[in-house]
Amino acid sequence: LWELWNEPESPYFRGTVEEYNKMYDHFTYAVKAIVPDARVGG
């Protein structure tokens, strides 16, 4: 199971939800480009 970050609405992430979603898009693209059937979430 591949996941991005921890509790991003809290002090664990000093960014916005939009920045998290952008990170997530790049994260999932990178994972799936190499292992298409890898499981990603958050």
PDB file of all heavy atoms in Angstrom:
ATOM      1  N   LEU A   1       0.857  -1.174   0.000  1.00  0.00           N
ATOM      2  CA  LEU A   1       0.000   0.000   0.000  1.00  0.00           C
ATOM      3  C   LEU A   1       0.898   1.232   0.000  1.00  0.00           C
ATOM      4  O   LEU A   1       1.747   1.395   0.882  1.00  0.00           O
ATOM      5  CB  LEU A   1      -0.902   0.001   1.242  1.00  0.00           C
ATOM      6  CG  LEU A   1      -1.855  -1.193   1.367  1.00  0.00           C
ATOM      7  CD1 LEU A   1      -2.435  -1.269   2.772  1.00  0.00           C
ATOM      8  CD2 LEU A   1      -2.965  -1.104   0.334  1.00  0.00           C
ATOM      9  N   TRP A   2       0.740   2.104  -0.992  1.00  0.00           N
ATOM     10  CA  TRP A   2       1.551   3.309  -1.129  1.00  0.00           C
ATOM     11  C   TRP A   2       0.696   4.526  -0.786  1.00  0.00           C
ATOM     12  O   TRP A   2      -0.345   4.759  -1.396  1.00  0.00           O
ATOM     13  CB  TRP A   2       2.075   3.441  -2.563  1.00  0.00           C
ATOM     14  CG  TRP A   2       3.120   2.434  -2.929  1.00  0.00           C
ATOM     15  CD1 TRP A   2       2.914   1.144  -3.347  1.00  0.00           C
ATOM     16  CD2 TRP A   2       4.537   2.622  -2.917  1.00  0.00           C
ATOM     17  NE1 TRP A   2       4.107   0.517  -3.595  1.00  0.00           N
ATOM     18  CE2 TRP A   2       5.134   1.409  -3.340  1.00  0.00           C
ATOM     19  CE3 TRP A   2       5.362   3.700  -2.604  1.00  0.00           C
ATOM     20  CZ2 TRP A   2       6.510   1.244  -3.446  1.00  0.00           C
ATOM     21  CZ3 TRP A   2       6.742   3.546  -2.716  1.00  0.00           C
ATOM     22  CH2 TRP A   2       7.309   2.330  -3.123  1.00  0.00           C
ATOM     23  N   GLU A   3       1.154   5.316   0.170  1.00  0.00           N
ATOM     24  CA  GLU A   3       0.371   6.453   0.631  1.00  0.00           C
ATOM     25  C   GLU A   3       1.232   7.714   0.678  1.00  0.00           C
ATOM     26  O   GLU A   3       2.457   7.642   0.790  1.00  0.00           O
ATOM     27  CB  GLU A   3      -0.180   6.187   2.032  1.00  0.00           C
ATOM     28  CG  GLU A   3       0.916   5.774   3.009  1.00  0.00           C
ATOM     29  CD  GLU A   3       0.624   6.155   4.442  1.00  0.00           C
ATOM     30  OE1 GLU A   3       0.007   7.211   4.662  1.00  0.00           O
ATOM     31  OE2 GLU A   3       1.041   5.410   5.334  1.00  0.00           O
ATOM     32  N   LEU A   4       0.565   8.855   0.613  1.00  0.00           N
ATOM     33  CA  LEU A   4       1.248  10.139   0.680  1.00  0.00           C
ATOM     34  C   LEU A   4       1.003  10.808   2.029  1.00  0.00           C
ATOM     35  O   LEU A   4      -0.132  11.090   2.390  1.00  0.00           O
ATOM     36  CB  LEU A   4       0.760  11.066  -0.432  1.00  0.00           C
ATOM     37  CG  LEU A   4       1.326  12.503  -0.387  1.00  0.00           C
ATOM     38  CD1 LEU A   4       2.839  12.494  -0.573  1.00  0.00           C
ATOM     39  CD2 LEU A   4       0.656  13.375  -1.434  1.00  0.00           C
ATOM     40  N   TRP A   5       2.084  11.000   2.765  1.00  0.00           N
ATOM     41  CA  TRP A   5       2.118  11.877   3.940  1.00  0.00           C
ATOM     42  C   TRP A   5       1.322  11.323   5.118  1.00  0.00           C
ATOM     43  O   TRP A   5       0.847  10.191   5.130  1.00  0.00           O
ATOM     44  CB  TRP A   5       1.656  13.287   3.578  1.00  0.00           C
ATOM     45  CG  TRP A   5       2.509  14.363   4.184  1.00  0.00           C
ATOM     46  CD1 TRP A   5       2.217  15.152   5.261  1.00  0.00           C
ATOM     47  CD2 TRP A   5       3.809  14.770   3.741  1.00  0.00           C
ATOM     48  NE1 TRP A   5       3.258  16.030   5.509  1.00  0.00           N
ATOM     49  CE2 TRP A   5       4.243  15.810   4.587  1.00  0.00           C
ATOM     50  CE3 TRP A   5       4.653  14.339   2.706  1.00  0.00           C
ATOM     51  CZ2 TRP A   5       5.485  16.433   4.431  1.00  0.00           C
ATOM     52  CZ3 TRP A   5       5.872  14.959   2.540  1.00  0.00           C
ATOM     53  CH2 TRP A   5       6.285  16.000   3.404  1.00  0.00           C
ATOM     54  N   ASN A   6       1.184  12.178   6.125  1.00  0.00           N
ATOM     55  CA  ASN A   6       0.506  11.840   7.367  1.00  0.00           C
ATOM     56  C   ASN A   6      -0.214  13.071   7.894  1.00  0.00           C
ATOM     57  O   ASN A   6       0.377  14.144   8.025  1.00  0.00           O
ATOM     58  CB  ASN A   6       1.522  11.377   8.417  1.00  0.00           C
ATOM     59  CG  ASN A   6       0.873  11.034   9.743  1.00  0.00           C
ATOM     60  OD1 ASN A   6       0.157  10.049   9.848  1.00  0.00           O
ATOM     61  ND2 ASN A   6       1.098  11.863  10.765  1.00  0.00           N
ATOM     62  N   GLU A   7      -1.510  12.913   8.133  1.00  0.00           N
ATOM     63  CA  GLU A   7      -2.335  13.968   8.738  1.00  0.00           C
ATOM     64  C   GLU A   7      -2.056  15.345   8.116  1.00  0.00           C
ATOM     65  O   GLU A   7      -1.653  16.298   8.798  1.00  0.00           O
ATOM     66  CB  GLU A   7      -2.131  13.983  10.255  1.00  0.00           C
ATOM     67  CG  GLU A   7      -2.556  12.671  10.888  1.00  0.00           C
ATOM     68  CD  GLU A   7      -2.338  12.600  12.400  1.00  0.00           C
ATOM     69  OE1 GLU A   7      -1.845  13.588  12.981  1.00  0.00           O
ATOM     70  OE2 GLU A   7      -2.668  11.562  12.998  1.00  0.00           O
ATOM     71  N   PRO A   8      -2.276  15.486   6.800  1.00  0.00           N
ATOM     72  CA  PRO A   8      -1.872  16.712   6.099  1.00  0.00           C
ATOM     73  C   PRO A   8      -2.708  17.940   6.455  1.00  0.00           C
ATOM     74  O   PRO A   8      -2.340  19.055   6.059  1.00  0.00           O
ATOM     75  CB  PRO A   8      -2.040  16.334   4.625  1.00  0.00           C
ATOM     76  CG  PRO A   8      -3.097  15.279   4.631  1.00  0.00           C
ATOM     77  CD  PRO A   8      -2.854  14.491   5.884  1.00  0.00           C
ATOM     78  N   GLU A   9      -3.806  17.751   7.177  1.00  0.00           N
ATOM     79  CA  GLU A   9      -4.591  18.915   7.611  1.00  0.00           C
ATOM     80  C   GLU A   9      -4.035  19.522   8.895  1.00  0.00           C
ATOM     81  O   GLU A   9      -4.532  20.550   9.374  1.00  0.00           O
ATOM     82  CB  GLU A   9      -6.062  18.507   7.813  1.00  0.00           C
ATOM     83  CG  GLU A   9      -6.403  17.899   9.167  1.00  0.00           C
ATOM     84  CD  GLU A   9      -5.906  16.479   9.402  1.00  0.00           C
ATOM     85  OE1 GLU A   9      -5.096  15.970   8.608  1.00  0.00           O
ATOM     86  OE2 GLU A   9      -6.331  15.863  10.403  1.00  0.00           O
ATOM     87  N   SER A  10      -3.010  18.903   9.448  1.00  0.00           N
ATOM     88  CA  SER A  10      -2.473  19.258  10.762  1.00  0.00           C
ATOM     89  C   SER A  10      -1.082  19.879  10.606  1.00  0.00           C
ATOM     90  O   SER A  10      -0.581  20.048   9.483  1.00  0.00           O
ATOM     91  CB  SER A  10      -2.384  18.002  11.624  1.00  0.00           C
ATOM     92  OG  SER A  10      -1.229  17.251  11.296  1.00  0.00           O
ATOM     93  N   PRO A  11      -0.403  20.201  11.711  1.00  0.00           N
ATOM     94  CA  PRO A  11       0.975  20.718  11.612  1.00  0.00           C
ATOM     95  C   PRO A  11       1.963  19.778  10.936  1.00  0.00           C
ATOM     96  O   PRO A  11       3.078  20.203  10.613  1.00  0.00           O
ATOM     97  CB  PRO A  11       1.353  20.967  13.078  1.00  0.00           C
ATOM     98  CG  PRO A  11       0.064  21.260  13.760  1.00  0.00           C
ATOM     99  CD  PRO A  11      -0.933  20.356  13.088  1.00  0.00           C
ATOM    100  N   TYR A  12       1.582  18.530  10.703  1.00  0.00           N
ATOM    101  CA  TYR A  12       2.463  17.640   9.951  1.00  0.00           C
ATOM    102  C   TYR A  12       2.687  18.130   8.516  1.00  0.00           C
ATOM    103  O   TYR A  12       3.633  17.697   7.863  1.00  0.00           O
ATOM    104  CB  TYR A  12       1.893  16.229   9.904  1.00  0.00           C
ATOM    105  CG  TYR A  12       2.276  15.367  11.082  1.00  0.00           C
ATOM    106  CD1 TYR A  12       1.393  15.137  12.132  1.00  0.00           C
ATOM    107  CD2 TYR A  12       3.532  14.750  11.142  1.00  0.00           C
ATOM    108  CE1 TYR A  12       1.746  14.329  13.209  1.00  0.00           C
ATOM    109  CE2 TYR A  12       3.893  13.950  12.210  1.00  0.00           C
ATOM    110  CZ  TYR A  12       2.997  13.744  13.237  1.00  0.00           C
ATOM    111  OH  TYR A  12       3.350  12.963  14.304  1.00  0.00           O
ATOM    112  N   PHE A  13       1.808  18.998   8.015  1.00  0.00           N
ATOM    113  CA  PHE A  13       1.963  19.507   6.652  1.00  0.00           C
ATOM    114  C   PHE A  13       1.719  21.008   6.656  1.00  0.00           C
ATOM    115  O   PHE A  13       0.598  21.466   6.921  1.00  0.00           O
ATOM    116  CB  PHE A  13       0.987  18.812   5.702  1.00  0.00           C
ATOM    117  CG  PHE A  13       1.155  19.200   4.260  1.00  0.00           C
ATOM    118  CD1 PHE A  13       2.339  18.936   3.581  1.00  0.00           C
ATOM    119  CD2 PHE A  13       0.124  19.835   3.566  1.00  0.00           C
ATOM    120  CE1 PHE A  13       2.500  19.299   2.246  1.00  0.00           C
ATOM    121  CE2 PHE A  13       0.276  20.187   2.231  1.00  0.00           C
ATOM    122  CZ  PHE A  13       1.472  19.921   1.580  1.00  0.00           C
ATOM    123  N   ARG A  14       2.761  21.775   6.336  1.00  0.00           N
ATOM    124  CA  ARG A  14       2.668  23.228   6.370  1.00  0.00           C
ATOM    125  C   ARG A  14       2.330  23.782   4.986  1.00  0.00           C
ATOM    126  O   ARG A  14       2.935  24.726   4.504  1.00  0.00           O
ATOM    127  CB  ARG A  14       3.988  23.812   6.876  1.00  0.00           C
ATOM    128  CG  ARG A  14       4.440  23.272   8.227  1.00  0.00           C
ATOM    129  CD  ARG A  14       3.486  23.658   9.336  1.00  0.00           C
ATOM    130  NE  ARG A  14       3.843  23.036  10.607  1.00  0.00           N
ATOM    131  CZ  ARG A  14       3.942  23.702  11.758  1.00  0.00           C
ATOM    132  NH1 ARG A  14       3.744  24.999  11.789  1.00  0.00           N
ATOM    133  NH2 ARG A  14       4.243  23.054  12.874  1.00  0.00           N
ATOM    134  N   GLY A  15       1.376  23.135   4.375  1.00  0.00           N
ATOM    135  CA  GLY A  15       0.916  23.563   3.068  1.00  0.00           C
ATOM    136  C   GLY A  15      -0.602  23.589   3.019  1.00  0.00           C
ATOM    137  O   GLY A  15      -1.280  23.345   4.022  1.00  0.00           O
ATOM    138  N   THR A  16      -1.153  23.839   1.848  1.00  0.00           N
ATOM    139  CA  THR A  16      -2.600  23.886   1.663  1.00  0.00           C
ATOM    140  C   THR A  16      -3.110  22.560   1.112  1.00  0.00           C
ATOM    141  O   THR A  16      -2.330  21.704   0.664  1.00  0.00           O
ATOM    142  CB  THR A  16      -2.974  25.003   0.681  1.00  0.00           C
ATOM    143  OG1 THR A  16      -2.419  24.672  -0.612  1.00  0.00           O
ATOM    144  CG2 THR A  16      -2.404  26.350   1.148  1.00  0.00           C
ATOM    145  N   VAL A  17      -4.420  22.403   1.107  1.00  0.00           N
ATOM    146  CA  VAL A  17      -4.989  21.195   0.525  1.00  0.00           C
ATOM    147  C   VAL A  17      -4.692  21.149  -0.974  1.00  0.00           C
ATOM    148  O   VAL A  17      -4.488  20.066  -1.543  1.00  0.00           O
ATOM    149  CB  VAL A  17      -6.512  21.110   0.800  1.00  0.00           C
ATOM    150  CG1 VAL A  17      -7.267  22.244   0.135  1.00  0.00           C
ATOM    151  CG2 VAL A  17      -7.077  19.764   0.353  1.00  0.00           C
ATOM    152  N   GLU A  18      -4.631  22.307  -1.619  1.00  0.00           N
ATOM    153  CA  GLU A  18      -4.305  22.347  -3.044  1.00  0.00           C
ATOM    154  C   GLU A  18      -2.870  21.860  -3.289  1.00  0.00           C
ATOM    155  O   GLU A  18      -2.595  21.137  -4.256  1.00  0.00           O
ATOM    156  CB  GLU A  18      -4.473  23.762  -3.586  1.00  0.00           C
ATOM    157  CG  GLU A  18      -5.919  24.244  -3.653  1.00  0.00           C
ATOM    158  CD  GLU A  18      -6.467  24.688  -2.301  1.00  0.00           C
ATOM    159  OE1 GLU A  18      -5.661  24.910  -1.364  1.00  0.00           O
ATOM    160  OE2 GLU A  18      -7.703  24.811  -2.174  1.00  0.00           O
ATOM    161  N   GLU A  19      -1.954  22.253  -2.403  1.00  0.00           N
ATOM    162  CA  GLU A  19      -0.570  21.791  -2.535  1.00  0.00           C
ATOM    163  C   GLU A  19      -0.461  20.290  -2.262  1.00  0.00           C
ATOM    164  O   GLU A  19       0.308  19.582  -2.924  1.00  0.00           O
ATOM    165  CB  GLU A  19       0.330  22.585  -1.596  1.00  0.00           C
ATOM    166  CG  GLU A  19       0.546  24.019  -2.040  1.00  0.00           C
ATOM    167  CD  GLU A  19       1.269  24.858  -1.009  1.00  0.00           C
ATOM    168  OE1 GLU A  19       0.894  24.802   0.184  1.00  0.00           O
ATOM    169  OE2 GLU A  19       2.213  25.583  -1.382  1.00  0.00           O
ATOM    170  N   TYR A  20      -1.243  19.825  -1.303  1.00  0.00           N
ATOM    171  CA  TYR A  20      -1.246  18.375  -1.058  1.00  0.00           C
ATOM    172  C   TYR A  20      -1.761  17.628  -2.286  1.00  0.00           C
ATOM    173  O   TYR A  20      -1.173  16.617  -2.705  1.00  0.00           O
ATOM    174  CB  TYR A  20      -2.114  18.042   0.155  1.00  0.00           C
ATOM    175  CG  TYR A  20      -2.203  16.549   0.410  1.00  0.00           C
ATOM    176  CD1 TYR A  20      -1.240  15.883   1.151  1.00  0.00           C
ATOM    177  CD2 TYR A  20      -3.248  15.791  -0.132  1.00  0.00           C
ATOM    178  CE1 TYR A  20      -1.308  14.511   1.355  1.00  0.00           C
ATOM    179  CE2 TYR A  20      -3.327  14.426   0.061  1.00  0.00           C
ATOM    180  CZ  TYR A  20      -2.355  13.791   0.808  1.00  0.00           C
ATOM    181  OH  TYR A  20      -2.417  12.434   0.999  1.00  0.00           O
ATOM    182  N   ASN A  21      -2.844  18.095  -2.855  1.00  0.00           N
ATOM    183  CA  ASN A  21      -3.407  17.419  -4.028  1.00  0.00           C
ATOM    184  C   ASN A  21      -2.412  17.419  -5.196  1.00  0.00           C
ATOM    185  O   ASN A  21      -2.311  16.434  -5.935  1.00  0.00           O
ATOM    186  CB  ASN A  21      -4.713  18.081  -4.448  1.00  0.00           C
ATOM    187  CG  ASN A  21      -5.847  17.811  -3.469  1.00  0.00           C
ATOM    188  OD1 ASN A  21      -5.798  16.854  -2.697  1.00  0.00           O
ATOM    189  ND2 ASN A  21      -6.854  18.670  -3.491  1.00  0.00           N
ATOM    190  N   LYS A  22      -1.672  18.516  -5.335  1.00  0.00           N
ATOM    191  CA  LYS A  22      -0.659  18.568  -6.391  1.00  0.00           C
ATOM    192  C   LYS A  22       0.455  17.561  -6.106  1.00  0.00           C
ATOM    193  O   LYS A  22       0.906  16.839  -7.020  1.00  0.00           O
ATOM    194  CB  LYS A  22      -0.084  19.983  -6.487  1.00  0.00           C
ATOM    195  CG  LYS A  22       0.889  20.181  -7.632  1.00  0.00           C
ATOM    196  CD  LYS A  22       1.324  21.640  -7.738  1.00  0.00           C
ATOM    197  CE  LYS A  22       2.280  21.845  -8.899  1.00  0.00           C
ATOM    198  NZ  LYS A  22       2.709  23.273  -9.014  1.00  0.00           N
ATOM    199  N   MET A  23       0.905  17.493  -4.857  1.00  0.00           N
ATOM    200  CA  MET A  23       1.898  16.476  -4.483  1.00  0.00           C
ATOM    201  C   MET A  23       1.375  15.079  -4.773  1.00  0.00           C
ATOM    202  O   MET A  23       2.107  14.205  -5.257  1.00  0.00           O
ATOM    203  CB  MET A  23       2.236  16.598  -2.995  1.00  0.00           C
ATOM    204  CG  MET A  23       3.164  17.739  -2.616  1.00  0.00           C
ATOM    205  SD  MET A  23       3.418  17.811  -0.828  1.00  0.00           S
ATOM    206  CE  MET A  23       4.202  16.222  -0.526  1.00  0.00           C
ATOM    207  N   TYR A  24       0.093  14.863  -4.462  1.00  0.00           N
ATOM    208  CA  TYR A  24      -0.522  13.545  -4.662  1.00  0.00           C
ATOM    209  C   TYR A  24      -0.538  13.179  -6.146  1.00  0.00           C
ATOM    210  O   TYR A  24      -0.243  12.026  -6.517  1.00  0.00           O
ATOM    211  CB  TYR A  24      -1.937  13.537  -4.093  1.00  0.00           C
ATOM    212  CG  TYR A  24      -2.628  12.193  -4.189  1.00  0.00           C
ATOM    213  CD1 TYR A  24      -2.367  11.190  -3.268  1.00  0.00           C
ATOM    214  CD2 TYR A  24      -3.534  11.932  -5.215  1.00  0.00           C
ATOM    215  CE1 TYR A  24      -2.998   9.951  -3.361  1.00  0.00           C
ATOM    216  CE2 TYR A  24      -4.173  10.705  -5.314  1.00  0.00           C
ATOM    217  CZ  TYR A  24      -3.891   9.714  -4.384  1.00  0.00           C
ATOM    218  OH  TYR A  24      -4.509   8.491  -4.485  1.00  0.00           O
ATOM    219  N   ASP A  25      -0.854  14.128  -6.998  1.00  0.00           N
ATOM    220  CA  ASP A  25      -0.876  13.856  -8.440  1.00  0.00           C
ATOM    221  C   ASP A  25       0.513  13.419  -8.928  1.00  0.00           C
ATOM    222  O   ASP A  25       0.637  12.450  -9.699  1.00  0.00           O
ATOM    223  CB  ASP A  25      -1.325  15.090  -9.207  1.00  0.00           C
ATOM    224  CG  ASP A  25      -2.791  15.414  -8.983  1.00  0.00           C
ATOM    225  OD1 ASP A  25      -3.526  14.544  -8.471  1.00  0.00           O
ATOM    226  OD2 ASP A  25      -3.200  16.545  -9.317  1.00  0.00           O
ATOM    227  N   HIS A  26       1.539  14.118  -8.493  1.00  0.00           N
ATOM    228  CA  HIS A  26       2.898  13.752  -8.898  1.00  0.00           C
ATOM    229  C   HIS A  26       3.317  12.422  -8.267  1.00  0.00           C
ATOM    230  O   HIS A  26       4.002  11.611  -8.915  1.00  0.00           O
ATOM    231  CB  HIS A  26       3.874  14.871  -8.511  1.00  0.00           C
ATOM    232  CG  HIS A  26       3.809  16.063  -9.397  1.00  0.00           C
ATOM    233  ND1 HIS A  26       4.549  16.175 -10.553  1.00  0.00           N
ATOM    234  CD2 HIS A  26       3.071  17.202  -9.319  1.00  0.00           C
ATOM    235  CE1 HIS A  26       4.288  17.331 -11.142  1.00  0.00           C
ATOM    236  NE2 HIS A  26       3.387  17.981 -10.411  1.00  0.00           N
ATOM    237  N   PHE A  27       2.922  12.198  -7.035  1.00  0.00           N
ATOM    238  CA  PHE A  27       3.234  10.944  -6.337  1.00  0.00           C
ATOM    239  C   PHE A  27       2.603   9.749  -7.041  1.00  0.00           C
ATOM    240  O   PHE A  27       3.277   8.754  -7.358  1.00  0.00           O
ATOM    241  CB  PHE A  27       2.738  11.056  -4.888  1.00  0.00           C
ATOM    242  CG  PHE A  27       2.652   9.767  -4.137  1.00  0.00           C
ATOM    243  CD1 PHE A  27       3.795   9.107  -3.707  1.00  0.00           C
ATOM    244  CD2 PHE A  27       1.418   9.204  -3.831  1.00  0.00           C
ATOM    245  CE1 PHE A  27       3.708   7.910  -2.997  1.00  0.00           C
ATOM    246  CE2 PHE A  27       1.315   8.022  -3.123  1.00  0.00           C
ATOM    247  CZ  PHE A  27       2.466   7.366  -2.707  1.00  0.00           C
ATOM    248  N   THR A  28       1.306   9.821  -7.299  1.00  0.00           N
ATOM    249  CA  THR A  28       0.623   8.678  -7.916  1.00  0.00           C
ATOM    250  C   THR A  28       1.086   8.445  -9.345  1.00  0.00           C
ATOM    251  O   THR A  28       1.182   7.297  -9.790  1.00  0.00           O
ATOM    252  CB  THR A  28      -0.904   8.869  -7.879  1.00  0.00           C
ATOM    253  OG1 THR A  28      -1.252  10.122  -8.489  1.00  0.00           O
ATOM    254  CG2 THR A  28      -1.408   8.876  -6.434  1.00  0.00           C
ATOM    255  N   TYR A  29       1.370   9.526 -10.065  1.00  0.00           N
ATOM    256  CA  TYR A  29       1.865   9.368 -11.435  1.00  0.00           C
ATOM    257  C   TYR A  29       3.192   8.613 -11.429  1.00  0.00           C
ATOM    258  O   TYR A  29       3.412   7.696 -12.239  1.00  0.00           O
ATOM    259  CB  TYR A  29       2.039  10.730 -12.097  1.00  0.00           C
ATOM    260  CG  TYR A  29       2.460  10.633 -13.544  1.00  0.00           C
ATOM    261  CD1 TYR A  29       1.512  10.490 -14.557  1.00  0.00           C
ATOM    262  CD2 TYR A  29       3.809  10.663 -13.905  1.00  0.00           C
ATOM    263  CE1 TYR A  29       1.893  10.389 -15.897  1.00  0.00           C
ATOM    264  CE2 TYR A  29       4.198  10.565 -15.234  1.00  0.00           C
ATOM    265  CZ  TYR A  29       3.248  10.424 -16.219  1.00  0.00           C
ATOM    266  OH  TYR A  29       3.624  10.304 -17.531  1.00  0.00           O
ATOM    267  N   ALA A  30       4.074   8.990 -10.489  1.00  0.00           N
ATOM    268  CA  ALA A  30       5.386   8.348 -10.412  1.00  0.00           C
ATOM    269  C   ALA A  30       5.266   6.871 -10.069  1.00  0.00           C
ATOM    270  O   ALA A  30       5.930   6.017 -10.669  1.00  0.00           O
ATOM    271  CB  ALA A  30       6.247   9.067  -9.374  1.00  0.00           C
ATOM    272  N   VAL A  31       4.419   6.545  -9.105  1.00  0.00           N
ATOM    273  CA  VAL A  31       4.253   5.143  -8.694  1.00  0.00           C
ATOM    274  C   VAL A  31       3.664   4.321  -9.829  1.00  0.00           C
ATOM    275  O   VAL A  31       4.185   3.252 -10.205  1.00  0.00           O
ATOM    276  CB  VAL A  31       3.363   5.052  -7.443  1.00  0.00           C
ATOM    277  CG1 VAL A  31       3.075   3.584  -7.105  1.00  0.00           C
ATOM    278  CG2 VAL A  31       4.016   5.742  -6.245  1.00  0.00           C
ATOM    279  N   LYS A  32       2.574   4.801 -10.417  1.00  0.00           N
ATOM    280  CA  LYS A  32       1.853   4.034 -11.432  1.00  0.00           C
ATOM    281  C   LYS A  32       2.635   3.925 -12.743  1.00  0.00           C
ATOM    282  O   LYS A  32       2.451   2.955 -13.493  1.00  0.00           O
ATOM    283  CB  LYS A  32       0.498   4.685 -11.695  1.00  0.00           C
ATOM    284  CG  LYS A  32      -0.477   4.660 -10.524  1.00  0.00           C
ATOM    285  CD  LYS A  32      -1.169   3.326 -10.395  1.00  0.00           C
ATOM    286  CE  LYS A  32      -2.321   3.370  -9.420  1.00  0.00           C
ATOM    287  NZ  LYS A  32      -3.032   2.068  -9.312  1.00  0.00           N
ATOM    288  N   ALA A  33       3.488   4.907 -13.025  1.00  0.00           N
ATOM    289  CA  ALA A  33       4.269   4.842 -14.265  1.00  0.00           C
ATOM    290  C   ALA A  33       5.222   3.662 -14.257  1.00  0.00           C
ATOM    291  O   ALA A  33       5.561   3.106 -15.314  1.00  0.00           O
ATOM    292  CB  ALA A  33       5.040   6.147 -14.464  1.00  0.00           C
ATOM    293  N   ILE A  34       5.671   3.249 -13.088  1.00  0.00           N
ATOM    294  CA  ILE A  34       6.627   2.144 -12.976  1.00  0.00           C
ATOM    295  C   ILE A  34       5.928   0.833 -12.631  1.00  0.00           C
ATOM    296  O   ILE A  34       6.258  -0.222 -13.179  1.00  0.00           O
ATOM    297  CB  ILE A  34       7.696   2.495 -11.928  1.00  0.00           C
ATOM    298  CG1 ILE A  34       8.499   3.708 -12.407  1.00  0.00           C
ATOM    299  CG2 ILE A  34       8.630   1.313 -11.659  1.00  0.00           C
ATOM    300  CD1 ILE A  34       9.408   4.303 -11.366  1.00  0.00           C
ATOM    301  N   VAL A  35       4.943   0.901 -11.722  1.00  0.00           N
ATOM    302  CA  VAL A  35       4.178  -0.294 -11.341  1.00  0.00           C
ATOM    303  C   VAL A  35       2.691   0.053 -11.484  1.00  0.00           C
ATOM    304  O   VAL A  35       2.059   0.515 -10.526  1.00  0.00           O
ATOM    305  CB  VAL A  35       4.503  -0.737  -9.897  1.00  0.00           C
ATOM    306  CG1 VAL A  35       3.772  -2.036  -9.562  1.00  0.00           C
ATOM    307  CG2 VAL A  35       6.008  -0.915  -9.714  1.00  0.00           C
ATOM    308  N   PRO A  36       2.117  -0.150 -12.670  1.00  0.00           N
ATOM    309  CA  PRO A  36       0.736   0.301 -12.922  1.00  0.00           C
ATOM    310  C   PRO A  36      -0.296  -0.275 -11.965  1.00  0.00           C
ATOM    311  O   PRO A  36      -1.299   0.385 -11.685  1.00  0.00           O
ATOM    312  CB  PRO A  36       0.474  -0.162 -14.365  1.00  0.00           C
ATOM    313  CG  PRO A  36       1.834  -0.236 -14.987  1.00  0.00           C
ATOM    314  CD  PRO A  36       2.749  -0.689 -13.884  1.00  0.00           C
ATOM    315  N   ASP A  37      -0.069  -1.501 -11.471  1.00  0.00           N
ATOM    316  CA  ASP A  37      -1.067  -2.096 -10.583  1.00  0.00           C
ATOM    317  C   ASP A  37      -0.746  -1.885  -9.106  1.00  0.00           C
ATOM    318  O   ASP A  37      -1.385  -2.482  -8.232  1.00  0.00           O
ATOM    319  CB  ASP A  37      -1.242  -3.578 -10.877  1.00  0.00           C
ATOM    320  CG  ASP A  37       0.063  -4.368 -10.802  1.00  0.00           C
ATOM    321  OD1 ASP A  37       1.140  -3.735 -10.754  1.00  0.00           O
ATOM    322  OD2 ASP A  37       0.000  -5.611 -10.786  1.00  0.00           O
ATOM    323  N   ALA A  38       0.216  -1.032  -8.812  1.00  0.00           N
ATOM    324  CA  ALA A  38       0.475  -0.683  -7.422  1.00  0.00           C
ATOM    325  C   ALA A  38      -0.733   0.057  -6.852  1.00  0.00           C
ATOM    326  O   ALA A  38      -1.432   0.778  -7.567  1.00  0.00           O
ATOM    327  CB  ALA A  38       1.729   0.178  -7.304  1.00  0.00           C
ATOM    328  N   ARG A  39      -0.975  -0.107  -5.555  1.00  0.00           N
ATOM    329  CA  ARG A  39      -2.133   0.507  -4.912  1.00  0.00           C
ATOM    330  C   ARG A  39      -1.725   1.811  -4.226  1.00  0.00           C
ATOM    331  O   ARG A  39      -0.823   1.820  -3.391  1.00  0.00           O
ATOM    332  CB  ARG A  39      -2.751  -0.460  -3.913  1.00  0.00           C
ATOM    333  CG  ARG A  39      -3.374  -1.691  -4.568  1.00  0.00           C
ATOM    334  CD  ARG A  39      -3.888  -2.680  -3.557  1.00  0.00           C
ATOM    335  NE  ARG A  39      -2.805  -3.342  -2.827  1.00  0.00           N
ATOM    336  CZ  ARG A  39      -2.999  -4.127  -1.778  1.00  0.00           C
ATOM    337  NH1 ARG A  39      -4.213  -4.316  -1.300  1.00  0.00           N
ATOM    338  NH2 ARG A  39      -1.968  -4.710  -1.186  1.00  0.00           N
ATOM    339  N   VAL A  40      -2.404   2.893  -4.577  1.00  0.00           N
ATOM    340  CA  VAL A  40      -2.086   4.213  -4.038  1.00  0.00           C
ATOM    341  C   VAL A  40      -3.325   4.795  -3.370  1.00  0.00           C
ATOM    342  O   VAL A  40      -4.465   4.510  -3.763  1.00  0.00           O
ATOM    343  CB  VAL A  40      -1.592   5.166  -5.139  1.00  0.00           C
ATOM    344  CG1 VAL A  40      -0.280   4.665  -5.743  1.00  0.00           C
ATOM    345  CG2 VAL A  40      -2.644   5.336  -6.243  1.00  0.00           C
ATOM    346  N   GLY A  41      -3.090   5.619  -2.333  1.00  0.00           N
ATOM    347  CA  GLY A  41      -4.228   6.213  -1.651  1.00  0.00           C
ATOM    348  C   GLY A  41      -3.821   7.239  -0.623  1.00  0.00           C
ATOM    349  O   GLY A  41      -2.661   7.609  -0.491  1.00  0.00           O
ATOM    350  N   GLY A  42      -4.817   7.692   0.128  1.00  0.00           N
ATOM    351  CA  GLY A  42      -4.638   8.708   1.151  1.00  0.00           C
ATOM    352  C   GLY A  42      -6.014   9.112   1.647  1.00  0.00           C
ATOM    353  O   GLY A  42      -6.997   8.422   1.397  1.00  0.00           O
TER     354      GLY A  42
END
